[in-house]
């Protein structure tokens, strides 16, 4: 998802050509391209979330580093600062604030909500960082699980 042209992921023929481009430009090896579950990618971009992504002015792979209060991560460290670094897969602005999407390729077994809850601290850190950097609230944080074609809003 990092280097894909999202608009090329909406039909099978265009997606096949996009995977070939990614291989030709050495973003993927031939083996990696073959491993892509094209049906999963097509389902994402046919979904309501995918349509939102396609119509938004998306920023991808946004790297950040900020100093933040350590107490948010270790209460005993109150008053200290830590360096928080991360890479946000995808975000954009809509009315009311920023929307973050984090793509997950985990195999899903068991309860999806429990699996999503494990990523809550990561998305909370992303939201706090983007909110500070862009001086905009984060109105929505979404995990998209390719394995089960599911978007979970945290």
N, C-alpha and C. Protein backbone atom coordinates (compact mmCIF):
# COMPACT_ATOMS: atom_id res chain seq x y z
N UNK A 1 0.82 -1.20 0.00
CA UNK A 1 0.00 0.00 0.00
C UNK A 1 0.86 1.26 0.00
N UNK A 2 2.08 1.12 0.43
CA UNK A 2 2.94 2.28 0.56
C UNK A 2 3.20 2.98 -0.77
N UNK A 3 3.47 2.24 -1.81
CA UNK A 3 3.85 2.84 -3.08
C UNK A 3 2.79 2.71 -4.17
N UNK A 4 1.69 2.03 -3.85
CA UNK A 4 0.64 1.81 -4.84
C UNK A 4 -0.07 3.11 -5.19
N UNK A 5 -0.42 3.22 -6.44
CA UNK A 5 -1.29 4.31 -6.88
C UNK A 5 -2.72 3.83 -6.62
N UNK A 6 -3.35 4.40 -5.62
CA UNK A 6 -4.65 3.91 -5.19
C UNK A 6 -5.68 3.90 -6.31
N UNK A 7 -5.63 4.90 -7.15
CA UNK A 7 -6.61 4.95 -8.25
C UNK A 7 -6.45 3.78 -9.21
N UNK A 8 -5.32 3.10 -9.18
CA UNK A 8 -5.09 1.93 -10.04
C UNK A 8 -5.51 0.64 -9.35
N UNK A 9 -6.14 0.75 -8.22
CA UNK A 9 -6.53 -0.44 -7.43
C UNK A 9 -8.03 -0.65 -7.43
N UNK A 10 -8.71 -0.17 -8.46
CA UNK A 10 -10.17 -0.24 -8.47
C UNK A 10 -10.73 -1.29 -9.43
N UNK A 11 -9.91 -1.82 -10.30
CA UNK A 11 -10.37 -2.94 -11.14
C UNK A 11 -9.20 -3.89 -11.38
N UNK A 12 -9.55 -5.12 -11.71
CA UNK A 12 -8.55 -6.20 -11.77
C UNK A 12 -7.44 -5.92 -12.78
N UNK A 13 -7.81 -5.43 -13.95
CA UNK A 13 -6.80 -5.19 -14.99
C UNK A 13 -5.83 -4.07 -14.59
N UNK A 14 -6.37 -3.00 -14.04
CA UNK A 14 -5.52 -1.88 -13.61
C UNK A 14 -4.64 -2.30 -12.43
N UNK A 15 -5.17 -3.12 -11.53
CA UNK A 15 -4.39 -3.58 -10.39
C UNK A 15 -3.25 -4.47 -10.84
N UNK A 16 -3.50 -5.33 -11.80
CA UNK A 16 -2.44 -6.18 -12.35
C UNK A 16 -1.33 -5.32 -12.95
N UNK A 17 -1.71 -4.30 -13.69
CA UNK A 17 -0.73 -3.38 -14.27
C UNK A 17 0.03 -2.62 -13.18
N UNK A 18 -0.66 -2.26 -12.11
CA UNK A 18 0.00 -1.54 -11.01
C UNK A 18 1.01 -2.44 -10.31
N UNK A 19 0.68 -3.69 -10.11
CA UNK A 19 1.65 -4.61 -9.51
C UNK A 19 2.86 -4.80 -10.42
N UNK A 20 2.63 -4.81 -11.71
CA UNK A 20 3.75 -4.91 -12.64
C UNK A 20 4.63 -3.66 -12.56
N UNK A 21 4.00 -2.48 -12.46
CA UNK A 21 4.76 -1.23 -12.31
C UNK A 21 5.59 -1.27 -11.03
N UNK A 22 4.97 -1.70 -9.94
CA UNK A 22 5.69 -1.76 -8.67
C UNK A 22 6.87 -2.73 -8.74
N UNK A 23 6.71 -3.78 -9.50
CA UNK A 23 7.80 -4.74 -9.70
C UNK A 23 8.88 -4.14 -10.60
N UNK A 24 8.46 -3.55 -11.70
CA UNK A 24 9.41 -2.94 -12.63
C UNK A 24 10.24 -1.84 -11.97
N UNK A 25 9.60 -1.07 -11.09
CA UNK A 25 10.29 0.03 -10.41
C UNK A 25 10.97 -0.44 -9.12
N UNK A 26 10.96 -1.71 -8.89
CA UNK A 26 11.66 -2.37 -7.78
C UNK A 26 11.15 -1.97 -6.39
N UNK A 27 9.87 -1.63 -6.33
CA UNK A 27 9.25 -1.45 -5.02
C UNK A 27 8.87 -2.81 -4.45
N UNK A 28 8.59 -3.76 -5.34
CA UNK A 28 8.26 -5.14 -4.96
C UNK A 28 9.11 -6.10 -5.77
N UNK A 29 9.39 -7.24 -5.18
CA UNK A 29 9.99 -8.32 -5.97
C UNK A 29 8.85 -9.04 -6.68
N UNK A 30 9.18 -9.84 -7.66
CA UNK A 30 8.16 -10.61 -8.36
C UNK A 30 7.42 -11.51 -7.37
N UNK A 31 8.15 -12.08 -6.44
CA UNK A 31 7.54 -12.97 -5.45
C UNK A 31 6.57 -12.21 -4.54
N UNK A 32 6.96 -11.00 -4.13
CA UNK A 32 6.07 -10.18 -3.31
C UNK A 32 4.80 -9.81 -4.08
N UNK A 33 4.96 -9.44 -5.33
CA UNK A 33 3.80 -9.08 -6.16
C UNK A 33 2.84 -10.26 -6.31
N UNK A 34 3.39 -11.44 -6.49
CA UNK A 34 2.56 -12.65 -6.61
C UNK A 34 1.81 -12.93 -5.31
N UNK A 35 2.39 -12.55 -4.18
CA UNK A 35 1.77 -12.82 -2.88
C UNK A 35 0.63 -11.88 -2.54
N UNK A 36 0.50 -10.78 -3.28
CA UNK A 36 -0.57 -9.82 -3.01
C UNK A 36 -1.91 -10.48 -3.33
N UNK A 37 -2.80 -10.45 -2.36
CA UNK A 37 -4.16 -10.95 -2.59
C UNK A 37 -4.94 -9.82 -3.27
N UNK A 38 -4.99 -9.90 -4.58
CA UNK A 38 -5.59 -8.83 -5.36
C UNK A 38 -7.07 -8.64 -5.03
N UNK A 39 -7.76 -9.73 -4.73
CA UNK A 39 -9.18 -9.61 -4.39
C UNK A 39 -9.37 -8.77 -3.13
N UNK A 40 -8.48 -8.92 -2.16
CA UNK A 40 -8.58 -8.11 -0.94
C UNK A 40 -8.39 -6.63 -1.25
N UNK A 41 -7.43 -6.32 -2.09
CA UNK A 41 -7.18 -4.93 -2.45
C UNK A 41 -8.39 -4.36 -3.19
N UNK A 42 -8.93 -5.12 -4.11
CA UNK A 42 -10.11 -4.66 -4.87
C UNK A 42 -11.30 -4.45 -3.94
N UNK A 43 -11.48 -5.32 -2.97
CA UNK A 43 -12.60 -5.16 -2.02
C UNK A 43 -12.43 -3.90 -1.18
N UNK A 44 -11.19 -3.61 -0.77
CA UNK A 44 -10.97 -2.37 -0.01
C UNK A 44 -11.46 -1.17 -0.81
N UNK A 45 -11.00 -1.05 -2.05
CA UNK A 45 -11.31 0.16 -2.81
C UNK A 45 -12.74 0.18 -3.36
N UNK A 46 -13.45 -0.93 -3.25
CA UNK A 46 -14.88 -0.96 -3.59
C UNK A 46 -15.74 -0.65 -2.37
N UNK A 47 -15.13 -0.64 -1.20
CA UNK A 47 -15.87 -0.42 0.06
C UNK A 47 -16.11 1.08 0.28
N UNK A 48 -17.01 1.42 1.21
CA UNK A 48 -17.19 2.84 1.55
C UNK A 48 -15.89 3.51 2.00
N UNK A 49 -15.08 2.81 2.80
CA UNK A 49 -13.80 3.39 3.21
C UNK A 49 -12.90 3.63 2.00
N UNK A 50 -12.82 2.68 1.12
CA UNK A 50 -12.00 2.83 -0.08
C UNK A 50 -12.43 4.00 -0.94
N UNK A 51 -13.73 4.18 -1.06
CA UNK A 51 -14.24 5.32 -1.84
C UNK A 51 -13.87 6.64 -1.16
N UNK A 52 -13.90 6.67 0.18
CA UNK A 52 -13.46 7.88 0.90
C UNK A 52 -11.99 8.16 0.60
N UNK A 53 -11.17 7.13 0.65
CA UNK A 53 -9.73 7.28 0.39
C UNK A 53 -9.51 7.82 -1.01
N UNK A 54 -10.23 7.26 -1.98
CA UNK A 54 -10.05 7.67 -3.37
C UNK A 54 -10.45 9.11 -3.64
N UNK A 55 -11.40 9.63 -2.87
CA UNK A 55 -11.85 11.01 -3.11
C UNK A 55 -11.14 12.04 -2.24
N UNK A 56 -10.35 11.56 -1.27
CA UNK A 56 -9.66 12.47 -0.36
C UNK A 56 -8.30 12.88 -0.92
N UNK A 57 -7.79 13.95 -0.38
CA UNK A 57 -6.41 14.36 -0.66
C UNK A 57 -5.55 13.72 0.42
N UNK A 58 -5.12 12.51 0.14
CA UNK A 58 -4.49 11.64 1.11
C UNK A 58 -3.00 11.93 1.26
N UNK A 59 -2.54 11.86 2.50
CA UNK A 59 -1.10 11.86 2.77
C UNK A 59 -0.77 10.47 3.26
N UNK A 60 0.33 9.92 2.77
CA UNK A 60 0.69 8.55 3.10
C UNK A 60 2.09 8.47 3.65
N UNK A 61 2.29 7.44 4.48
CA UNK A 61 3.60 7.15 5.05
C UNK A 61 4.20 8.41 5.67
N UNK A 62 3.40 9.08 6.48
CA UNK A 62 3.82 10.33 7.13
C UNK A 62 4.66 10.00 8.35
N UNK A 63 5.92 10.35 8.28
CA UNK A 63 6.86 10.10 9.38
C UNK A 63 6.84 11.29 10.33
N UNK A 64 6.83 11.00 11.63
CA UNK A 64 6.86 12.09 12.59
C UNK A 64 7.76 11.74 13.77
N UNK A 65 8.25 12.77 14.41
CA UNK A 65 9.01 12.68 15.65
C UNK A 65 8.61 13.89 16.48
N UNK A 66 8.10 13.64 17.67
CA UNK A 66 7.73 14.75 18.56
C UNK A 66 8.15 14.41 19.99
N UNK A 67 8.44 15.46 20.74
CA UNK A 67 8.66 15.29 22.17
C UNK A 67 7.30 15.37 22.85
N UNK A 68 7.06 14.45 23.77
CA UNK A 68 5.77 14.43 24.45
C UNK A 68 5.97 14.04 25.91
N UNK A 69 4.96 14.31 26.71
CA UNK A 69 5.01 14.00 28.14
C UNK A 69 5.09 12.49 28.34
N UNK A 70 6.10 12.05 29.03
CA UNK A 70 6.31 10.63 29.27
C UNK A 70 5.20 10.02 30.11
N UNK A 71 4.49 10.83 30.89
CA UNK A 71 3.44 10.32 31.76
C UNK A 71 2.32 9.63 30.98
N UNK A 72 2.16 9.98 29.73
CA UNK A 72 1.13 9.33 28.90
C UNK A 72 1.46 7.85 28.69
N UNK A 73 2.71 7.49 28.84
CA UNK A 73 3.14 6.11 28.58
C UNK A 73 3.67 5.41 29.83
N UNK A 74 4.11 6.20 30.79
CA UNK A 74 4.62 5.65 32.05
C UNK A 74 4.32 6.69 33.14
N UNK A 75 3.22 6.51 33.88
CA UNK A 75 2.80 7.53 34.86
C UNK A 75 3.90 7.93 35.85
N UNK A 76 4.79 7.00 36.17
CA UNK A 76 5.87 7.32 37.12
C UNK A 76 6.90 8.29 36.52
N UNK A 77 6.83 8.51 35.21
CA UNK A 77 7.78 9.40 34.54
C UNK A 77 7.20 10.81 34.33
N UNK A 78 6.16 11.12 35.08
CA UNK A 78 5.53 12.43 34.93
C UNK A 78 6.57 13.55 35.04
N UNK A 79 6.46 14.52 34.15
CA UNK A 79 7.40 15.63 34.12
C UNK A 79 8.57 15.42 33.19
N UNK A 80 8.78 14.22 32.78
CA UNK A 80 9.84 13.91 31.81
C UNK A 80 9.25 13.95 30.40
N UNK A 81 10.12 14.10 29.42
CA UNK A 81 9.69 14.04 28.03
C UNK A 81 10.33 12.84 27.35
N UNK A 82 9.58 12.29 26.40
CA UNK A 82 10.12 11.21 25.57
C UNK A 82 9.95 11.60 24.11
N UNK A 83 10.77 10.99 23.27
CA UNK A 83 10.67 11.19 21.84
C UNK A 83 9.75 10.12 21.28
N UNK A 84 8.66 10.56 20.70
CA UNK A 84 7.69 9.66 20.10
C UNK A 84 7.87 9.73 18.59
N UNK A 85 8.11 8.57 17.99
CA UNK A 85 8.30 8.50 16.54
C UNK A 85 7.32 7.50 15.96
N UNK A 86 6.90 7.74 14.74
CA UNK A 86 6.00 6.80 14.08
C UNK A 86 5.86 7.12 12.61
N UNK A 87 5.12 6.26 11.94
CA UNK A 87 4.82 6.44 10.52
C UNK A 87 3.33 6.14 10.34
N UNK A 88 2.57 7.14 9.96
CA UNK A 88 1.13 6.99 9.75
C UNK A 88 0.91 6.50 8.32
N UNK A 89 0.22 5.37 8.18
CA UNK A 89 -0.01 4.80 6.84
C UNK A 89 -0.72 5.78 5.92
N UNK A 90 -1.80 6.38 6.42
CA UNK A 90 -2.67 7.17 5.54
C UNK A 90 -3.52 8.11 6.39
N UNK A 91 -3.64 9.36 5.98
CA UNK A 91 -4.57 10.27 6.64
C UNK A 91 -4.96 11.38 5.69
N UNK A 92 -6.07 12.03 6.02
CA UNK A 92 -6.56 13.16 5.24
C UNK A 92 -7.43 14.01 6.14
N UNK A 93 -7.80 15.17 5.61
CA UNK A 93 -8.67 16.07 6.37
C UNK A 93 -10.07 16.04 5.78
N UNK A 94 -11.04 15.97 6.67
CA UNK A 94 -12.45 16.10 6.31
C UNK A 94 -13.02 17.19 7.20
N UNK A 95 -14.27 17.57 6.96
CA UNK A 95 -14.91 18.55 7.83
C UNK A 95 -14.85 18.03 9.26
N UNK A 96 -14.38 18.85 10.14
CA UNK A 96 -14.32 18.46 11.54
C UNK A 96 -13.01 17.88 11.99
N UNK A 97 -12.08 17.62 11.08
CA UNK A 97 -10.78 17.15 11.53
C UNK A 97 -10.15 16.11 10.63
N UNK A 98 -9.09 15.52 11.15
CA UNK A 98 -8.30 14.54 10.40
C UNK A 98 -8.87 13.14 10.56
N UNK A 99 -8.66 12.33 9.54
CA UNK A 99 -9.04 10.92 9.55
C UNK A 99 -7.76 10.11 9.33
N UNK A 100 -7.50 9.16 10.22
CA UNK A 100 -6.31 8.30 10.13
C UNK A 100 -6.76 6.90 9.76
N UNK A 101 -6.03 6.28 8.83
CA UNK A 101 -6.25 4.87 8.50
C UNK A 101 -4.92 4.14 8.66
N UNK A 102 -4.98 3.03 9.38
CA UNK A 102 -3.82 2.17 9.54
C UNK A 102 -4.17 0.81 8.96
N UNK A 103 -3.42 0.37 7.97
CA UNK A 103 -3.68 -0.90 7.30
C UNK A 103 -3.02 -2.03 8.06
N UNK A 104 -3.76 -3.12 8.25
CA UNK A 104 -3.25 -4.29 8.96
C UNK A 104 -3.38 -5.53 8.08
N UNK A 105 -2.33 -6.31 8.07
CA UNK A 105 -2.32 -7.54 7.28
C UNK A 105 -2.33 -8.78 8.17
N UNK A 106 -2.58 -8.59 9.46
CA UNK A 106 -2.64 -9.72 10.41
C UNK A 106 -3.67 -10.75 9.96
N UNK A 107 -3.42 -12.00 10.30
CA UNK A 107 -4.43 -13.05 10.17
C UNK A 107 -5.40 -12.87 11.33
N UNK A 108 -6.66 -12.89 11.05
CA UNK A 108 -7.66 -12.69 12.08
C UNK A 108 -8.27 -14.02 12.49
N UNK A 109 -8.12 -14.32 13.75
CA UNK A 109 -8.81 -15.48 14.33
C UNK A 109 -9.35 -15.00 15.66
N UNK A 110 -10.55 -15.35 15.96
CA UNK A 110 -11.16 -14.88 17.19
C UNK A 110 -11.89 -13.57 16.98
N UNK A 111 -12.00 -12.82 18.04
CA UNK A 111 -12.79 -11.60 18.07
C UNK A 111 -12.06 -10.42 17.44
N UNK A 112 -12.67 -9.85 16.42
CA UNK A 112 -12.06 -8.72 15.70
C UNK A 112 -11.91 -7.50 16.61
N UNK A 113 -12.91 -7.24 17.43
CA UNK A 113 -12.84 -6.08 18.32
C UNK A 113 -11.67 -6.21 19.31
N UNK A 114 -11.43 -7.43 19.81
CA UNK A 114 -10.29 -7.63 20.71
C UNK A 114 -8.98 -7.41 19.98
N UNK A 115 -8.90 -7.89 18.75
CA UNK A 115 -7.69 -7.69 17.94
C UNK A 115 -7.47 -6.19 17.72
N UNK A 116 -8.53 -5.48 17.37
CA UNK A 116 -8.43 -4.03 17.13
C UNK A 116 -8.01 -3.30 18.39
N UNK A 117 -8.51 -3.73 19.53
CA UNK A 117 -8.19 -3.05 20.80
C UNK A 117 -6.69 -3.08 21.09
N UNK A 118 -6.00 -4.10 20.60
CA UNK A 118 -4.55 -4.17 20.81
C UNK A 118 -3.82 -3.02 20.13
N UNK A 119 -4.44 -2.44 19.10
CA UNK A 119 -3.81 -1.34 18.37
C UNK A 119 -4.26 0.04 18.85
N UNK A 120 -5.13 0.09 19.85
CA UNK A 120 -5.62 1.37 20.35
C UNK A 120 -4.49 2.30 20.78
N UNK A 121 -3.50 1.83 21.56
CA UNK A 121 -2.42 2.76 21.94
C UNK A 121 -1.65 3.33 20.74
N UNK A 122 -1.42 2.51 19.73
CA UNK A 122 -0.71 2.98 18.54
C UNK A 122 -1.50 4.09 17.85
N UNK A 123 -2.78 3.87 17.64
CA UNK A 123 -3.60 4.87 16.95
C UNK A 123 -3.80 6.11 17.82
N UNK A 124 -3.87 5.94 19.13
CA UNK A 124 -3.97 7.10 20.03
C UNK A 124 -2.71 7.96 19.94
N UNK A 125 -1.55 7.31 19.86
CA UNK A 125 -0.29 8.05 19.72
C UNK A 125 -0.25 8.78 18.38
N UNK A 126 -0.68 8.11 17.31
CA UNK A 126 -0.74 8.76 16.00
C UNK A 126 -1.66 9.98 16.05
N UNK A 127 -2.83 9.80 16.66
CA UNK A 127 -3.81 10.89 16.73
C UNK A 127 -3.25 12.07 17.52
N UNK A 128 -2.63 11.79 18.64
CA UNK A 128 -2.05 12.88 19.45
C UNK A 128 -0.97 13.62 18.67
N UNK A 129 -0.13 12.87 17.97
CA UNK A 129 0.95 13.50 17.21
C UNK A 129 0.40 14.35 16.06
N UNK A 130 -0.50 13.79 15.27
CA UNK A 130 -1.03 14.55 14.12
C UNK A 130 -1.81 15.77 14.58
N UNK A 131 -2.54 15.62 15.66
CA UNK A 131 -3.30 16.75 16.19
C UNK A 131 -2.38 17.90 16.58
N UNK A 132 -1.26 17.57 17.21
CA UNK A 132 -0.29 18.61 17.57
C UNK A 132 0.40 19.19 16.35
N UNK A 133 0.83 18.34 15.44
CA UNK A 133 1.60 18.79 14.27
C UNK A 133 0.77 19.69 13.37
N UNK A 134 -0.49 19.31 13.14
CA UNK A 134 -1.33 20.04 12.19
C UNK A 134 -2.32 20.98 12.86
N UNK A 135 -2.32 21.03 14.20
CA UNK A 135 -3.24 21.89 14.95
C UNK A 135 -4.69 21.68 14.51
N UNK A 136 -5.03 20.42 14.33
CA UNK A 136 -6.38 20.01 13.94
C UNK A 136 -6.75 18.80 14.80
N UNK A 137 -8.02 18.68 15.17
CA UNK A 137 -8.41 17.49 15.90
C UNK A 137 -8.44 16.27 14.97
N UNK A 138 -8.23 15.11 15.54
CA UNK A 138 -8.42 13.87 14.79
C UNK A 138 -9.84 13.43 15.09
N UNK A 139 -10.67 13.38 14.05
CA UNK A 139 -12.08 13.06 14.25
C UNK A 139 -12.36 11.57 14.14
N UNK A 140 -11.41 10.83 13.52
CA UNK A 140 -11.65 9.41 13.32
C UNK A 140 -10.33 8.68 13.12
N UNK A 141 -10.20 7.54 13.80
CA UNK A 141 -9.04 6.66 13.62
C UNK A 141 -9.59 5.29 13.24
N UNK A 142 -9.11 4.77 12.11
CA UNK A 142 -9.65 3.54 11.54
C UNK A 142 -8.54 2.53 11.34
N UNK A 143 -8.81 1.30 11.73
CA UNK A 143 -7.94 0.17 11.39
C UNK A 143 -8.64 -0.57 10.26
N UNK A 144 -7.88 -0.90 9.21
CA UNK A 144 -8.46 -1.70 8.13
C UNK A 144 -7.71 -3.03 8.09
N UNK A 145 -8.44 -4.12 8.36
CA UNK A 145 -7.89 -5.46 8.36
C UNK A 145 -8.17 -6.11 7.02
N UNK A 146 -7.12 -6.31 6.21
CA UNK A 146 -7.29 -6.94 4.90
C UNK A 146 -7.79 -8.37 5.02
N UNK A 147 -7.37 -9.10 6.04
CA UNK A 147 -7.71 -10.50 6.16
C UNK A 147 -9.21 -10.75 6.19
N UNK A 148 -9.95 -9.82 6.77
CA UNK A 148 -11.40 -10.02 6.85
C UNK A 148 -12.18 -8.86 6.22
N UNK A 149 -11.48 -8.03 5.43
CA UNK A 149 -12.13 -6.92 4.73
C UNK A 149 -12.95 -6.06 5.68
N UNK A 150 -12.37 -5.73 6.82
CA UNK A 150 -13.13 -5.01 7.83
C UNK A 150 -12.43 -3.74 8.28
N UNK A 151 -13.22 -2.69 8.39
CA UNK A 151 -12.74 -1.43 8.96
C UNK A 151 -13.30 -1.32 10.37
N UNK A 152 -12.43 -1.00 11.32
CA UNK A 152 -12.85 -0.82 12.70
C UNK A 152 -12.46 0.59 13.13
N UNK A 153 -13.46 1.35 13.53
CA UNK A 153 -13.20 2.70 14.02
C UNK A 153 -12.94 2.64 15.51
N UNK A 154 -11.82 3.25 15.92
CA UNK A 154 -11.46 3.25 17.34
C UNK A 154 -11.93 4.54 17.98
